[in-house]
Protein backbone atom coordinates (compact mmCIF):
# COMPACT_ATOMS: atom_id res chain seq x y z
CA MET A 1 0.00 0.00 0.00
CA GLY A 2 1.00 3.60 -0.48
CA ILE A 3 0.74 6.62 1.74
CA PHE A 4 -2.11 6.53 4.24
CA ASN A 5 -3.98 9.00 6.42
CA ASN A 6 -6.29 8.60 9.35
CA ALA A 7 -9.64 10.19 8.61
CA GLN A 8 -12.96 11.02 10.25
CA MET A 9 -15.69 10.32 7.68
CA THR A 10 -19.32 11.18 7.16
CA VAL A 11 -21.46 9.69 4.37
CA GLU A 12 -23.61 11.47 1.78
CA ARG A 13 -25.99 9.65 -0.56
CA GLY A 14 -27.66 11.52 -3.40
CA GLY A 15 -26.21 14.80 -2.10
CA SER A 16 -27.72 14.45 1.39
CA PRO A 17 -26.11 13.29 4.64
CA VAL A 18 -27.02 9.75 5.69
CA SER A 19 -28.26 10.37 9.23
CA SER A 20 -28.37 6.66 10.09
CA ILE A 21 -24.57 6.40 9.72
CA PRO A 22 -22.61 8.25 12.43
CA SER A 23 -19.26 9.89 11.81
CA PHE A 24 -16.61 7.16 11.87
CA ALA A 25 -12.84 6.72 11.86
CA ALA A 26 -11.14 5.28 8.78
CA GLN A 27 -7.74 4.64 7.27
CA VAL A 28 -7.21 5.94 3.71
CA ASP A 29 -4.47 4.18 1.70
CA LEU A 30 -3.31 5.32 -1.73
CA MET A 31 -3.53 2.28 -4.04
CA SER A 32 -0.53 1.01 -5.95
CA GLN A 33 -0.57 1.44 -9.73
CA GLN A 34 -1.26 -2.29 -10.13
CA GLU A 35 -4.27 -2.19 -7.80
CA ALA A 36 -5.66 0.96 -9.44
CA ALA A 37 -5.31 -0.64 -12.89
CA TYR A 38 -7.36 -3.63 -11.69
CA TYR A 39 -10.24 -1.24 -10.94
CA GLY A 40 -9.83 0.55 -14.28
CA GLY A 41 -7.64 3.41 -13.10
CA ALA A 42 -5.07 5.11 -15.26
CA ALA A 43 -2.02 7.16 -14.33
CA PRO A 44 -2.09 9.70 -12.86
CA TYR A 45 -4.62 8.22 -10.51
CA GLN A 46 -6.36 9.26 -7.33
CA ARG A 47 -7.69 5.87 -6.23
CA TYR A 48 -7.73 4.78 -2.59
CA MET A 49 -8.56 1.82 -0.38
CA ILE A 50 -10.50 2.95 2.69
CA TYR A 51 -10.83 0.79 5.79
CA THR A 52 -13.51 1.82 8.27
CA VAL A 53 -13.43 1.32 12.02
CA GLY A 54 -16.75 -0.47 12.43
CA THR A 55 -19.21 -1.70 9.79
CA TYR A 56 -21.71 0.58 8.07
CA ASP A 57 -24.27 0.53 5.25
CA ILE A 58 -21.99 2.22 2.72
CA ARG A 59 -22.97 1.77 -0.92
CA GLN A 60 -21.46 2.20 -4.36
CA GLY A 61 -21.84 5.85 -5.40
CA ASP A 62 -21.85 7.23 -1.85
CA ALA A 63 -19.64 10.21 -1.05
CA LEU A 64 -17.32 9.97 1.95
CA ILE A 65 -16.42 13.36 3.41
CA ASP A 66 -13.19 13.56 5.44
CA ALA A 67 -13.61 16.10 8.25
CA LEU A 68 -9.86 16.13 9.06
CA HIS A 69 -8.20 16.89 5.70
CA ILE A 70 -8.51 19.74 3.20
CA ASP A 71 -8.09 19.16 -0.56
CA PRO A 72 -5.75 22.04 -1.51
CA LYS A 73 -6.98 22.10 -5.13
CA ARG A 74 -10.58 22.69 -4.02
CA ASN A 75 -9.87 24.41 -0.69
CA ALA A 76 -12.60 22.23 0.83
CA LEU A 77 -12.82 19.00 2.83
CA LYS A 78 -11.57 15.95 0.94
CA GLN A 79 -14.33 13.89 -0.64
CA TYR A 80 -14.13 10.36 -1.96
CA ARG A 81 -16.63 8.62 -4.27
CA VAL A 82 -17.18 4.90 -3.56
CA ILE A 83 -16.62 2.94 -6.80
CA ASN A 84 -17.04 -0.65 -5.59
CA ASP A 85 -19.68 -2.58 -3.73
CA PRO A 86 -17.96 -2.30 -0.33
CA ALA A 87 -16.95 -5.52 1.35
CA THR A 88 -18.07 -5.89 4.95
CA GLU A 89 -15.70 -7.92 7.09
CA LEU A 90 -17.97 -8.83 10.01
CA PHE A 91 -15.43 -10.77 12.07
CA GLN A 92 -12.81 -8.06 11.63
CA ARG A 93 -15.51 -5.37 12.06
CA HIS A 94 -14.67 -3.08 9.18
CA ASN A 95 -15.64 -2.18 5.61
CA GLU A 96 -13.18 -2.30 2.72
CA ILE A 97 -13.99 0.45 0.23
CA VAL A 98 -12.42 1.38 -3.10
CA ALA A 99 -12.88 5.11 -3.73
CA ASP A 100 -11.69 7.89 -6.00
CA LEU A 101 -10.74 11.32 -4.72
CA TYR A 102 -13.59 13.52 -5.93
CA ARG A 103 -12.52 16.78 -7.52
CA GLY A 104 -15.85 18.09 -8.81
CA THR A 105 -16.99 21.68 -8.58
């Protein structure tokens, strides 16, 4: 894995906060080029693997908002778009999420 950050995430679905999912801690790892290529990424890429602390109903297409880190290109909180159907590891009590850094307007 590449560089990682600890994050404090909230979830938005369809542009609205998902009130049933509380703010949660997560680890955000930059994917290697090989991993990103598997998911259809191309260089330069902004694809990440996100591991949650706890399990949540996170779905493909959801936006994850990181309350701890600012995206300097947008001068706003970092946002990630979930691109996979997140795996839930019940015995390890976490979700494994593939997400792209969102740089929309």
